[in-house]
Amino acid sequence: MILLLFIFISPLPALFSNTLSASVYIWTSSIQLIQIALFFYLSFNLIPWLTNGPLKFLGLSPLIYQIQIGLPGISSWIYARQINLFMTYLAMMLASGVVITEAAEKALRTINNPKLRTKFHPLITSLNNGISFAESLRSISEINELMIQKVVVGEESGRLAETILHFANIDSEELAAQDTLLAEWIPRIIYIVILVLVGYSMINNASISSI
């Protein structure tokens, strides 16, 4: 609403001073609305279109996947959530009686980024060679040592599925709290930017009118 008000309020001084006609005012405001709507629409849909949607034929999906796991901040955000999803599904299948080699291969399908999924292939190879799950996790640099120690505790206690699921649920709650905090601050930042733009526009229009 603040953004919409800014679009319509910003040109009002020029409209009242007769330096802007009503038709131009309506046309300019409408074009800005369309541009903003198009921006948000593309922001939510462009990456899915390029990776798995109608624009996949452009061949940009490998580049997008590489950017996702290569950019600082974004990569760690993706790693944490994808690994948590992997561990959650793995624990659920282990609790259902699925053998760990099969469960790991199936849980690997939950990782949407194929570049990240490739990093887990050594884990599958190690498990197929009879290496313990904890030691197999060491072949993946994205898995931190704390998580591996949790898995060791589960293997030693004979409650691997319960242990993984327990700590995966704790991690899920922490990730959800981070997402909530992010969702709270993004609008605040947008509000500040809009208010700055409104203030700048008013000062700029006032200086032009005085001239």
N, C-alpha and C. Protein backbone atom coordinates (compact mmCIF):
# COMPACT_ATOMS: atom_id res chain seq x y z
N MET A 1 0.82 -1.21 0.00
CA MET A 1 0.00 0.00 0.00
C MET A 1 0.86 1.26 0.00
N ILE A 2 1.97 1.22 0.77
CA ILE A 2 2.87 2.37 0.80
C ILE A 2 3.46 2.60 -0.59
N LEU A 3 3.84 1.51 -1.24
CA LEU A 3 4.42 1.63 -2.58
C LEU A 3 3.40 2.18 -3.57
N LEU A 4 2.16 1.71 -3.49
CA LEU A 4 1.11 2.20 -4.38
C LEU A 4 0.82 3.68 -4.13
N LEU A 5 0.77 4.06 -2.85
CA LEU A 5 0.55 5.46 -2.52
C LEU A 5 1.69 6.34 -3.05
N PHE A 6 2.90 5.82 -2.96
CA PHE A 6 4.06 6.57 -3.45
C PHE A 6 3.94 6.83 -4.96
N ILE A 7 3.49 5.81 -5.68
CA ILE A 7 3.36 5.95 -7.14
C ILE A 7 2.38 7.06 -7.50
N PHE A 8 1.28 7.13 -6.76
CA PHE A 8 0.24 8.11 -7.10
C PHE A 8 0.47 9.47 -6.45
N ILE A 9 1.15 9.49 -5.29
CA ILE A 9 1.36 10.76 -4.59
C ILE A 9 2.55 11.52 -5.15
N SER A 10 3.59 10.79 -5.55
CA SER A 10 4.83 11.44 -5.99
C SER A 10 4.61 12.48 -7.10
N PRO A 11 3.80 12.22 -8.13
CA PRO A 11 3.64 13.22 -9.20
C PRO A 11 2.61 14.31 -8.89
N LEU A 12 1.94 14.24 -7.73
CA LEU A 12 0.86 15.20 -7.44
C LEU A 12 1.32 16.66 -7.46
N PRO A 13 2.48 17.00 -6.88
CA PRO A 13 2.91 18.41 -6.95
C PRO A 13 2.99 18.93 -8.37
N ALA A 14 3.53 18.08 -9.27
CA ALA A 14 3.62 18.50 -10.68
C ALA A 14 2.24 18.62 -11.30
N LEU A 15 1.32 17.76 -10.87
CA LEU A 15 -0.05 17.83 -11.39
C LEU A 15 -0.74 19.10 -10.93
N PHE A 16 -0.58 19.46 -9.65
CA PHE A 16 -1.23 20.65 -9.11
C PHE A 16 -0.61 21.95 -9.66
N SER A 17 0.66 21.88 -10.02
CA SER A 17 1.32 23.07 -10.57
C SER A 17 1.15 23.19 -12.08
N ASN A 18 0.34 22.29 -12.64
CA ASN A 18 0.03 22.29 -14.08
C ASN A 18 1.24 22.03 -14.97
N THR A 19 2.30 21.46 -14.39
CA THR A 19 3.43 21.05 -15.22
C THR A 19 3.27 19.62 -15.72
N LEU A 20 2.21 18.97 -15.25
CA LEU A 20 1.91 17.61 -15.66
C LEU A 20 0.41 17.50 -15.90
N SER A 21 0.04 17.03 -17.07
CA SER A 21 -1.39 16.91 -17.38
C SER A 21 -1.98 15.69 -16.70
N ALA A 22 -3.30 15.68 -16.57
CA ALA A 22 -3.99 14.57 -15.91
C ALA A 22 -3.80 13.27 -16.68
N SER A 23 -3.82 13.36 -18.00
CA SER A 23 -3.67 12.15 -18.82
C SER A 23 -2.27 11.56 -18.66
N VAL A 24 -1.25 12.43 -18.65
CA VAL A 24 0.13 11.95 -18.45
C VAL A 24 0.29 11.37 -17.04
N TYR A 25 -0.36 12.02 -16.07
CA TYR A 25 -0.31 11.53 -14.68
C TYR A 25 -0.87 10.12 -14.59
N ILE A 26 -2.03 9.90 -15.18
CA ILE A 26 -2.66 8.57 -15.14
C ILE A 26 -1.83 7.56 -15.92
N TRP A 27 -1.34 7.97 -17.09
CA TRP A 27 -0.56 7.07 -17.92
C TRP A 27 0.75 6.67 -17.23
N THR A 28 1.45 7.63 -16.67
CA THR A 28 2.72 7.35 -16.00
C THR A 28 2.52 6.46 -14.78
N SER A 29 1.50 6.76 -13.99
CA SER A 29 1.23 5.95 -12.80
C SER A 29 0.86 4.52 -13.18
N SER A 30 0.07 4.38 -14.25
CA SER A 30 -0.34 3.04 -14.69
C SER A 30 0.86 2.24 -15.18
N ILE A 31 1.75 2.89 -15.92
CA ILE A 31 2.95 2.21 -16.42
C ILE A 31 3.82 1.75 -15.25
N GLN A 32 3.96 2.58 -14.23
CA GLN A 32 4.75 2.20 -13.06
C GLN A 32 4.14 1.02 -12.32
N LEU A 33 2.81 1.02 -12.23
CA LEU A 33 2.12 -0.11 -11.60
C LEU A 33 2.38 -1.40 -12.36
N ILE A 34 2.30 -1.32 -13.67
CA ILE A 34 2.53 -2.51 -14.50
C ILE A 34 3.97 -2.98 -14.35
N GLN A 35 4.90 -2.06 -14.33
CA GLN A 35 6.32 -2.42 -14.19
C GLN A 35 6.59 -3.11 -12.86
N ILE A 36 6.00 -2.57 -11.78
CA ILE A 36 6.20 -3.17 -10.46
C ILE A 36 5.55 -4.55 -10.38
N ALA A 37 4.33 -4.66 -10.92
CA ALA A 37 3.65 -5.96 -10.92
C ALA A 37 4.45 -6.98 -11.72
N LEU A 38 5.00 -6.55 -12.86
CA LEU A 38 5.80 -7.45 -13.70
C LEU A 38 7.08 -7.85 -12.98
N PHE A 39 7.68 -6.90 -12.25
CA PHE A 39 8.90 -7.20 -11.51
C PHE A 39 8.67 -8.28 -10.46
N PHE A 40 7.61 -8.12 -9.67
CA PHE A 40 7.31 -9.10 -8.62
C PHE A 40 6.92 -10.45 -9.23
N TYR A 41 6.18 -10.42 -10.32
CA TYR A 41 5.76 -11.66 -10.97
C TYR A 41 6.97 -12.44 -11.48
N LEU A 42 7.89 -11.73 -12.12
CA LEU A 42 9.09 -12.38 -12.63
C LEU A 42 10.01 -12.84 -11.49
N SER A 43 10.04 -12.06 -10.41
CA SER A 43 10.89 -12.42 -9.28
C SER A 43 10.49 -13.78 -8.69
N PHE A 44 9.18 -14.04 -8.67
CA PHE A 44 8.70 -15.30 -8.10
C PHE A 44 8.74 -16.46 -9.08
N ASN A 45 8.73 -16.18 -10.38
CA ASN A 45 8.56 -17.24 -11.37
C ASN A 45 9.74 -17.46 -12.31
N LEU A 46 10.64 -16.49 -12.42
CA LEU A 46 11.69 -16.60 -13.43
C LEU A 46 12.61 -17.79 -13.19
N ILE A 47 13.08 -17.96 -11.96
CA ILE A 47 14.00 -19.08 -11.68
C ILE A 47 13.33 -20.43 -11.89
N PRO A 48 12.10 -20.66 -11.39
CA PRO A 48 11.43 -21.94 -11.71
C PRO A 48 11.23 -22.14 -13.20
N TRP A 49 10.95 -21.08 -13.94
CA TRP A 49 10.78 -21.21 -15.38
C TRP A 49 12.09 -21.63 -16.05
N LEU A 50 13.21 -21.04 -15.59
CA LEU A 50 14.51 -21.30 -16.22
C LEU A 50 15.07 -22.66 -15.85
N THR A 51 14.71 -23.17 -14.67
CA THR A 51 15.28 -24.45 -14.22
C THR A 51 14.43 -25.66 -14.60
N ASN A 52 13.12 -25.56 -14.38
CA ASN A 52 12.26 -26.72 -14.66
C ASN A 52 11.01 -26.37 -15.45
N GLY A 53 10.90 -25.14 -15.91
CA GLY A 53 9.69 -24.69 -16.56
C GLY A 53 9.84 -24.48 -18.05
N PRO A 54 9.00 -23.61 -18.62
CA PRO A 54 8.97 -23.43 -20.07
C PRO A 54 10.23 -22.80 -20.66
N LEU A 55 11.06 -22.16 -19.82
CA LEU A 55 12.28 -21.52 -20.32
C LEU A 55 13.52 -22.39 -20.11
N LYS A 56 13.31 -23.64 -19.75
CA LYS A 56 14.43 -24.54 -19.50
C LYS A 56 15.27 -24.77 -20.76
N PHE A 57 14.63 -24.63 -21.94
CA PHE A 57 15.33 -24.86 -23.21
C PHE A 57 16.48 -23.87 -23.42
N LEU A 58 16.47 -22.76 -22.68
CA LEU A 58 17.55 -21.77 -22.82
C LEU A 58 18.88 -22.29 -22.29
N GLY A 59 18.82 -23.34 -21.49
CA GLY A 59 20.05 -23.95 -20.98
C GLY A 59 20.74 -23.17 -19.88
N LEU A 60 20.00 -22.33 -19.17
CA LEU A 60 20.59 -21.53 -18.10
C LEU A 60 20.51 -22.18 -16.73
N SER A 61 19.83 -23.32 -16.65
CA SER A 61 19.65 -23.97 -15.34
C SER A 61 20.99 -24.34 -14.68
N PRO A 62 22.00 -24.87 -15.41
CA PRO A 62 23.28 -25.15 -14.72
C PRO A 62 23.91 -23.91 -14.11
N LEU A 63 23.81 -22.78 -14.81
CA LEU A 63 24.37 -21.53 -14.29
C LEU A 63 23.63 -21.10 -13.03
N ILE A 64 22.30 -21.20 -13.05
CA ILE A 64 21.50 -20.80 -11.89
C ILE A 64 21.82 -21.70 -10.69
N TYR A 65 21.91 -23.00 -10.93
CA TYR A 65 22.23 -23.92 -9.83
C TYR A 65 23.61 -23.64 -9.26
N GLN A 66 24.55 -23.28 -10.14
CA GLN A 66 25.90 -22.98 -9.67
C GLN A 66 25.92 -21.70 -8.85
N ILE A 67 25.15 -20.71 -9.29
CA ILE A 67 25.06 -19.45 -8.53
C ILE A 67 24.46 -19.70 -7.15
N GLN A 68 23.44 -20.56 -7.10
CA GLN A 68 22.77 -20.84 -5.83
C GLN A 68 23.73 -21.40 -4.78
N ILE A 69 24.65 -22.24 -5.21
CA ILE A 69 25.57 -22.86 -4.24
C ILE A 69 26.92 -22.15 -4.20
N GLY A 70 27.05 -21.07 -4.97
CA GLY A 70 28.32 -20.36 -5.01
C GLY A 70 28.30 -19.01 -4.34
N LEU A 71 27.14 -18.38 -4.27
CA LEU A 71 27.07 -17.05 -3.67
C LEU A 71 27.10 -17.12 -2.15
N PRO A 72 27.97 -16.35 -1.52
CA PRO A 72 27.99 -16.33 -0.04
C PRO A 72 26.64 -15.87 0.51
N GLY A 73 26.23 -16.46 1.59
CA GLY A 73 24.93 -16.12 2.18
C GLY A 73 23.82 -16.95 1.59
N ILE A 74 23.63 -16.86 0.28
CA ILE A 74 22.59 -17.65 -0.38
C ILE A 74 22.93 -19.12 -0.34
N SER A 75 24.20 -19.45 -0.59
CA SER A 75 24.61 -20.86 -0.61
C SER A 75 24.43 -21.51 0.76
N SER A 76 24.83 -20.82 1.83
CA SER A 76 24.68 -21.38 3.17
C SER A 76 23.21 -21.55 3.53
N TRP A 77 22.37 -20.60 3.08
CA TRP A 77 20.93 -20.69 3.32
C TRP A 77 20.36 -21.93 2.64
N ILE A 78 20.77 -22.19 1.39
CA ILE A 78 20.28 -23.34 0.63
C ILE A 78 20.84 -24.63 1.22
N TYR A 79 22.14 -24.65 1.53
CA TYR A 79 22.76 -25.84 2.10
C TYR A 79 22.01 -26.29 3.36
N ALA A 80 21.77 -25.37 4.27
CA ALA A 80 21.17 -25.71 5.56
C ALA A 80 19.80 -26.34 5.37
N ARG A 81 18.99 -25.80 4.49
CA ARG A 81 17.62 -26.28 4.32
C ARG A 81 17.57 -27.57 3.51
N GLN A 82 18.41 -27.69 2.51
CA GLN A 82 18.42 -28.91 1.71
C GLN A 82 18.97 -30.10 2.51
N ILE A 83 20.02 -29.85 3.29
CA ILE A 83 20.59 -30.93 4.11
C ILE A 83 19.61 -31.33 5.20
N ASN A 84 18.94 -30.36 5.80
CA ASN A 84 17.94 -30.68 6.82
C ASN A 84 16.81 -31.53 6.24
N LEU A 85 16.37 -31.19 5.03
CA LEU A 85 15.31 -31.97 4.38
C LEU A 85 15.79 -33.38 4.08
N PHE A 86 17.03 -33.50 3.62
CA PHE A 86 17.62 -34.81 3.35
C PHE A 86 17.66 -35.67 4.61
N MET A 87 18.15 -35.09 5.70
CA MET A 87 18.27 -35.85 6.95
C MET A 87 16.90 -36.23 7.50
N THR A 88 15.93 -35.35 7.36
CA THR A 88 14.58 -35.64 7.86
C THR A 88 13.97 -36.82 7.13
N TYR A 89 14.02 -36.80 5.80
CA TYR A 89 13.45 -37.90 5.02
C TYR A 89 14.23 -39.19 5.23
N LEU A 90 15.54 -39.07 5.37
CA LEU A 90 16.36 -40.26 5.64
C LEU A 90 15.94 -40.91 6.95
N ALA A 91 15.79 -40.10 8.00
CA ALA A 91 15.41 -40.65 9.31
C ALA A 91 14.03 -41.29 9.25
N MET A 92 13.10 -40.68 8.54
CA MET A 92 11.75 -41.22 8.45
C MET A 92 11.75 -42.58 7.75
N MET A 93 12.56 -42.71 6.70
CA MET A 93 12.63 -44.00 5.99
C MET A 93 13.34 -45.06 6.82
N LEU A 94 14.38 -44.64 7.55
CA LEU A 94 15.06 -45.59 8.43
C LEU A 94 14.11 -46.09 9.51
N ALA A 95 13.30 -45.18 10.04
CA ALA A 95 12.33 -45.57 11.06
C ALA A 95 11.27 -46.51 10.50
N SER A 96 11.04 -46.46 9.19
CA SER A 96 10.05 -47.34 8.54
C SER A 96 10.65 -48.68 8.15
N GLY A 97 11.94 -48.87 8.42
CA GLY A 97 12.56 -50.15 8.14
C GLY A 97 13.32 -50.23 6.84
N VAL A 98 13.46 -49.13 6.13
CA VAL A 98 14.22 -49.14 4.87
C VAL A 98 15.70 -49.19 5.21
N VAL A 99 16.45 -50.02 4.49
CA VAL A 99 17.90 -50.13 4.73
C VAL A 99 18.55 -48.80 4.36
N ILE A 100 19.66 -48.50 5.02
CA ILE A 100 20.23 -47.16 4.92
C ILE A 100 20.73 -46.83 3.52
N THR A 101 21.25 -47.83 2.78
CA THR A 101 21.73 -47.55 1.42
C THR A 101 20.57 -47.12 0.52
N GLU A 102 19.45 -47.82 0.62
CA GLU A 102 18.28 -47.47 -0.18
C GLU A 102 17.66 -46.16 0.31
N ALA A 103 17.61 -45.98 1.62
CA ALA A 103 17.01 -44.77 2.20
C ALA A 103 17.81 -43.53 1.79
N ALA A 104 19.13 -43.65 1.78
CA ALA A 104 19.97 -42.50 1.42
C ALA A 104 19.76 -42.12 -0.04
N GLU A 105 19.66 -43.10 -0.92
CA GLU A 105 19.44 -42.82 -2.34
C GLU A 105 18.10 -42.14 -2.57
N LYS A 106 17.07 -42.59 -1.86
CA LYS A 106 15.75 -41.98 -2.01
C LYS A 106 15.71 -40.59 -1.39
N ALA A 107 16.33 -40.43 -0.22
CA ALA A 107 16.35 -39.12 0.44
C ALA A 107 17.12 -38.10 -0.39
N LEU A 108 18.07 -38.60 -1.18
CA LEU A 108 18.88 -37.71 -2.01
C LEU A 108 18.03 -37.00 -3.06
N ARG A 109 16.91 -37.61 -3.43
CA ARG A 109 16.03 -37.00 -4.43
C ARG A 109 15.32 -35.76 -3.91
N THR A 110 15.33 -35.55 -2.60
CA THR A 110 14.69 -34.35 -2.04
C THR A 110 15.54 -33.11 -2.26
N ILE A 111 16.82 -33.28 -2.62
CA ILE A 111 17.70 -32.15 -2.86
C ILE A 111 17.43 -31.63 -4.27
N ASN A 112 16.87 -30.44 -4.36
CA ASN A 112 16.44 -29.91 -5.66
C ASN A 112 17.59 -29.45 -6.53
N ASN A 113 18.64 -28.96 -5.92
CA ASN A 113 19.77 -28.45 -6.69
C ASN A 113 20.67 -29.61 -7.11
N PRO A 114 20.75 -29.92 -8.42
CA PRO A 114 21.56 -31.07 -8.85
C PRO A 114 23.05 -30.90 -8.57
N LYS A 115 23.53 -29.65 -8.54
CA LYS A 115 24.94 -29.41 -8.22
C LYS A 115 25.24 -29.84 -6.79
N LEU A 116 24.32 -29.52 -5.89
CA LEU A 116 24.47 -29.92 -4.49
C LEU A 116 24.25 -31.42 -4.35
N ARG A 117 23.31 -31.96 -5.10
CA ARG A 117 23.03 -33.39 -5.04
C ARG A 117 24.26 -34.21 -5.44
N THR A 118 25.01 -33.69 -6.41
CA THR A 118 26.22 -34.39 -6.86
C THR A 118 27.23 -34.53 -5.74
N LYS A 119 27.29 -33.55 -4.85
CA LYS A 119 28.23 -33.59 -3.74
C LYS A 119 27.95 -34.73 -2.78
N PHE A 120 26.73 -35.30 -2.83
CA PHE A 120 26.35 -36.39 -1.94
C PHE A 120 26.65 -37.77 -2.54
N HIS A 121 27.08 -37.82 -3.79
CA HIS A 121 27.34 -39.11 -4.42
C HIS A 121 28.42 -39.92 -3.69
N PRO A 122 29.51 -39.29 -3.19
CA PRO A 122 30.48 -40.06 -2.41
C PRO A 122 29.86 -40.72 -1.17
N LEU A 123 28.84 -40.11 -0.61
CA LEU A 123 28.15 -40.70 0.54
C LEU A 123 27.51 -42.03 0.15
N ILE A 124 26.83 -42.05 -0.98
CA ILE A 124 26.18 -43.28 -1.45
C ILE A 124 27.22 -44.36 -1.72
N THR A 125 28.33 -43.96 -2.34
CA THR A 125 29.40 -44.92 -2.65
C THR A 125 29.98 -45.51 -1.38
N SER A 126 30.21 -44.67 -0.38
CA SER A 126 30.77 -45.15 0.89
C SER A 126 29.81 -46.11 1.59
N LEU A 127 28.53 -45.78 1.59
CA LEU A 127 27.55 -46.66 2.23
C LEU A 127 27.49 -48.02 1.52
N ASN A 128 27.55 -48.00 0.19
CA ASN A 128 27.52 -49.25 -0.56
C ASN A 128 28.77 -50.09 -0.32
N ASN A 129 29.85 -49.43 0.10
CA ASN A 129 31.09 -50.16 0.41
C ASN A 129 31.14 -50.62 1.86
N GLY A 130 30.05 -50.44 2.60
CA GLY A 130 29.98 -50.93 3.97
C GLY A 130 30.51 -49.98 5.02
N ILE A 131 30.82 -48.75 4.64
CA ILE A 131 31.32 -47.77 5.61
C ILE A 131 30.14 -47.20 6.40
N SER A 132 30.36 -46.91 7.66
CA SER A 132 29.29 -46.41 8.52
C SER A 132 28.76 -45.08 7.99
N PHE A 133 27.54 -44.76 8.40
CA PHE A 133 26.91 -43.53 7.92
C PHE A 133 27.69 -42.30 8.40
N ALA A 134 28.15 -42.32 9.65
CA ALA A 134 28.89 -41.18 10.19
C ALA A 134 30.17 -40.95 9.40
N GLU A 135 30.91 -42.01 9.13
CA GLU A 135 32.15 -41.87 8.36
C GLU A 135 31.87 -41.49 6.92
N SER A 136 30.77 -41.97 6.38
CA SER A 136 30.40 -41.62 5.01
C SER A 136 30.08 -40.14 4.88
N LEU A 137 29.49 -39.57 5.94
CA LEU A 137 29.16 -38.15 5.93
C LEU A 137 30.41 -37.27 5.85
N ARG A 138 31.53 -37.80 6.32
CA ARG A 138 32.77 -37.02 6.30
C ARG A 138 33.25 -36.76 4.87
N SER A 139 32.73 -37.50 3.92
CA SER A 139 33.13 -37.30 2.52
C SER A 139 32.44 -36.08 1.91
N ILE A 140 31.53 -35.47 2.66
CA ILE A 140 30.79 -34.30 2.17
C ILE A 140 31.24 -33.09 2.98
N SER A 141 31.91 -32.17 2.32
CA SER A 141 32.47 -31.01 3.02
C SER A 141 31.39 -30.10 3.59
N GLU A 142 30.18 -30.14 3.01
CA GLU A 142 29.11 -29.27 3.48
C GLU A 142 28.48 -29.75 4.79
N ILE A 143 28.78 -30.96 5.21
CA ILE A 143 28.26 -31.50 6.47
C ILE A 143 29.22 -31.10 7.59
N ASN A 144 28.72 -30.39 8.59
CA ASN A 144 29.61 -29.95 9.67
C ASN A 144 29.86 -31.09 10.66
N GLU A 145 30.92 -30.92 11.42
CA GLU A 145 31.36 -31.96 12.35
C GLU A 145 30.34 -32.20 13.46
N LEU A 146 29.63 -31.16 13.87
CA LEU A 146 28.63 -31.32 14.92
C LEU A 146 27.55 -32.29 14.49
N MET A 147 27.10 -32.18 13.25
CA MET A 147 26.08 -33.11 12.76
C MET A 147 26.62 -34.54 12.72
N ILE A 148 27.88 -34.68 12.33
CA ILE A 148 28.47 -36.01 12.27
C ILE A 148 28.55 -36.62 13.67
N GLN A 149 28.90 -35.83 14.67
CA GLN A 149 28.97 -36.33 16.04
C GLN A 149 27.60 -36.77 16.53
N LYS A 150 26.56 -36.07 16.12
CA LYS A 150 25.20 -36.48 16.48
C LYS A 150 24.87 -37.84 15.88
N VAL A 151 25.30 -38.04 14.62
CA VAL A 151 25.06 -39.33 13.96
C VAL A 151 25.84 -40.43 14.65
N VAL A 152 27.06 -40.13 15.10
CA VAL A 152 27.88 -41.12 15.83
C VAL A 152 27.16 -41.57 17.08
N VAL A 153 26.57 -40.64 17.80
CA VAL A 153 25.81 -40.97 19.01
C VAL A 153 24.65 -41.89 18.67
N GLY A 154 23.97 -41.60 17.58
CA GLY A 154 22.85 -42.44 17.18
C GLY A 154 23.27 -43.84 16.78
N GLU A 155 24.39 -43.95 16.10
CA GLU A 155 24.88 -45.27 15.70
C GLU A 155 25.34 -46.08 16.91
N GLU A 156 26.02 -45.42 17.82
CA GLU A 156 26.52 -46.14 19.00
C GLU A 156 25.40 -46.58 19.92
N SER A 157 24.31 -45.81 19.95
CA SER A 157 23.19 -46.16 20.82
C SER A 157 22.21 -47.11 20.15
N GLY A 158 22.38 -47.37 18.87
CA GLY A 158 21.46 -48.22 18.14
C GLY A 158 20.13 -47.56 17.83
N ARG A 159 20.09 -46.24 17.94
CA ARG A 159 18.86 -45.48 17.68
C ARG A 159 19.15 -44.38 16.65
N LEU A 160 19.70 -44.82 15.51
CA LEU A 160 20.13 -43.87 14.50
C LEU A 160 18.96 -43.06 13.95
N ALA A 161 17.87 -43.72 13.59
CA ALA A 161 16.72 -43.02 13.01
C ALA A 161 16.14 -42.00 13.98
N GLU A 162 15.95 -42.42 15.24
CA GLU A 162 15.37 -41.51 16.22
C GLU A 162 16.29 -40.31 16.49
N THR A 163 17.61 -40.58 16.55
CA THR A 163 18.56 -39.51 16.82
C THR A 163 18.59 -38.50 15.69
N ILE A 164 18.66 -38.99 14.44
CA ILE A 164 18.69 -38.08 13.29
C ILE A 164 17.42 -37.25 13.23
N LEU A 165 16.28 -37.91 13.42
CA LEU A 165 15.00 -37.20 13.34
C LEU A 165 14.87 -36.16 14.46
N HIS A 166 15.36 -36.51 15.64
CA HIS A 166 15.29 -35.58 16.78
C HIS A 166 16.07 -34.30 16.48
N PHE A 167 17.32 -34.46 16.03
CA PHE A 167 18.14 -33.28 15.77
C PHE A 167 17.71 -32.56 14.49
N ALA A 168 17.15 -33.30 13.53
CA ALA A 168 16.63 -32.66 12.32
C ALA A 168 15.44 -31.77 12.65
N ASN A 169 14.62 -32.23 13.57
CA ASN A 169 13.47 -31.41 14.01
C ASN A 169 13.94 -30.14 14.73
N ILE A 170 14.99 -30.28 15.53
CA ILE A 170 15.54 -29.09 16.21
C ILE A 170 16.08 -28.10 15.18
N ASP A 171 16.81 -28.62 14.19
CA ASP A 171 17.34 -27.76 13.13
C ASP A 171 16.20 -27.11 12.34
N SER A 172 15.13 -27.86 12.11
CA SER A 172 13.98 -27.31 11.37
C SER A 172 13.38 -26.13 12.10
N GLU A 173 13.27 -26.25 13.43
CA GLU A 173 12.73 -25.15 14.23
C GLU A 173 13.64 -23.92 14.17
N GLU A 174 14.95 -24.14 14.20
CA GLU A 174 15.88 -23.03 14.12
C GLU A 174 15.82 -22.36 12.75
N LEU A 175 15.73 -23.17 11.69
CA LEU A 175 15.63 -22.62 10.33
C LEU A 175 14.32 -21.86 10.15
N ALA A 176 13.25 -22.39 10.73
CA ALA A 176 11.96 -21.70 10.65
C ALA A 176 12.01 -20.35 11.37
N ALA A 177 12.72 -20.31 12.50
CA ALA A 177 12.88 -19.05 13.23
C ALA A 177 13.67 -18.04 12.40
N GLN A 178 14.69 -18.51 11.71
CA GLN A 178 15.47 -17.63 10.82
C GLN A 178 14.60 -17.09 9.70
N ASP A 179 13.78 -17.96 9.11
CA ASP A 179 12.89 -17.53 8.03
C ASP A 179 11.88 -16.50 8.52
N THR A 180 11.37 -16.72 9.74
CA THR A 180 10.43 -15.77 10.31
C THR A 180 11.07 -14.41 10.53
N LEU A 181 12.29 -14.41 11.04
CA LEU A 181 13.02 -13.16 11.25
C LEU A 181 13.27 -12.45 9.92
N LEU A 182 13.62 -13.23 8.91
CA LEU A 182 13.85 -12.65 7.58
C LEU A 182 12.56 -12.06 7.02
N ALA A 183 11.46 -12.78 7.22
CA ALA A 183 10.17 -12.30 6.72
C ALA A 183 9.72 -11.04 7.44
N GLU A 184 10.17 -10.85 8.68
CA GLU A 184 9.83 -9.65 9.43
C GLU A 184 10.65 -8.44 8.98
N TRP A 185 11.92 -8.68 8.64
CA TRP A 185 12.81 -7.56 8.35
C TRP A 185 12.78 -7.11 6.90
N ILE A 186 12.48 -8.02 5.97
CA ILE A 186 12.44 -7.62 4.56
C ILE A 186 11.40 -6.52 4.32
N PRO A 187 10.15 -6.66 4.83
CA PRO A 187 9.19 -5.56 4.65
C PRO A 187 9.65 -4.26 5.30
N ARG A 188 10.31 -4.35 6.45
CA ARG A 188 10.78 -3.14 7.12
C ARG A 188 11.82 -2.41 6.26
N ILE A 189 12.71 -3.18 5.66
CA ILE A 189 13.72 -2.58 4.79
C ILE A 189 13.06 -1.93 3.58
N ILE A 190 12.05 -2.63 3.03
CA ILE A 190 11.33 -2.07 1.88
C ILE A 190 10.62 -0.78 2.27
N TYR A 191 10.01 -0.76 3.46
CA TYR A 191 9.34 0.45 3.95
C TYR A 191 10.31 1.62 4.02
N ILE A 192 11.49 1.36 4.58
CA ILE A 192 12.49 2.41 4.73
C ILE A 192 12.91 2.95 3.36
N VAL A 193 13.15 2.04 2.42
CA VAL A 193 13.55 2.46 1.08
C VAL A 193 12.47 3.33 0.44
N ILE A 194 11.21 2.89 0.58
CA ILE A 194 10.10 3.64 -0.01
C ILE A 194 9.97 5.02 0.63
N LEU A 195 10.09 5.07 1.96
CA LEU A 195 10.00 6.36 2.64
C LEU A 195 11.12 7.29 2.22
N VAL A 196 12.32 6.75 2.03
CA VAL A 196 13.43 7.57 1.55
C VAL A 196 13.13 8.10 0.16
N LEU A 197 12.58 7.22 -0.71
CA LEU A 197 12.24 7.65 -2.06
C LEU A 197 11.16 8.72 -2.05
N VAL A 198 10.16 8.53 -1.15
CA VAL A 198 9.09 9.53 -1.04
C VAL A 198 9.66 10.87 -0.58
N GLY A 199 10.51 10.84 0.44
CA GLY A 199 11.12 12.07 0.93
C GLY A 199 11.96 12.75 -0.13
N TYR A 200 12.76 11.96 -0.84
CA TYR A 200 13.60 12.53 -1.91
C TYR A 200 12.74 13.13 -3.01
N SER A 201 11.67 12.44 -3.37
CA SER A 201 10.79 12.93 -4.43
C SER A 201 10.12 14.25 -4.03
N MET A 202 9.68 14.33 -2.76
CA MET A 202 9.03 15.55 -2.29
C MET A 202 10.01 16.72 -2.28
N ILE A 203 11.23 16.47 -1.81
CA ILE A 203 12.25 17.53 -1.78
C ILE A 203 12.61 17.96 -3.19
N ASN A 204 12.75 16.96 -4.09
CA ASN A 204 13.11 17.25 -5.46
C ASN A 204 12.01 18.06 -6.16
N ASN A 205 10.75 17.64 -5.95
CA ASN A 205 9.63 18.36 -6.56
C ASN A 205 9.50 19.79 -6.00
N ALA A 206 9.75 19.91 -4.71
CA ALA A 206 9.68 21.24 -4.09
C ALA A 206 10.74 22.18 -4.65
N SER A 207 11.94 21.64 -4.86
CA SER A 207 13.01 22.49 -5.40
C SER A 207 12.72 22.86 -6.84
N ILE A 208 12.13 21.96 -7.61
CA ILE A 208 11.78 22.26 -9.00
C ILE A 208 10.68 23.31 -9.07
N SER A 209 9.69 23.17 -8.16
CA SER A 209 8.59 24.13 -8.13
C SER A 209 9.09 25.53 -7.77
N SER A 210 10.05 25.63 -6.86
CA SER A 210 10.57 26.93 -6.46
C SER A 210 11.34 27.60 -7.59
N ILE A 211 11.92 26.77 -8.45
CA ILE A 211 12.63 27.33 -9.60
C ILE A 211 11.64 27.89 -10.62
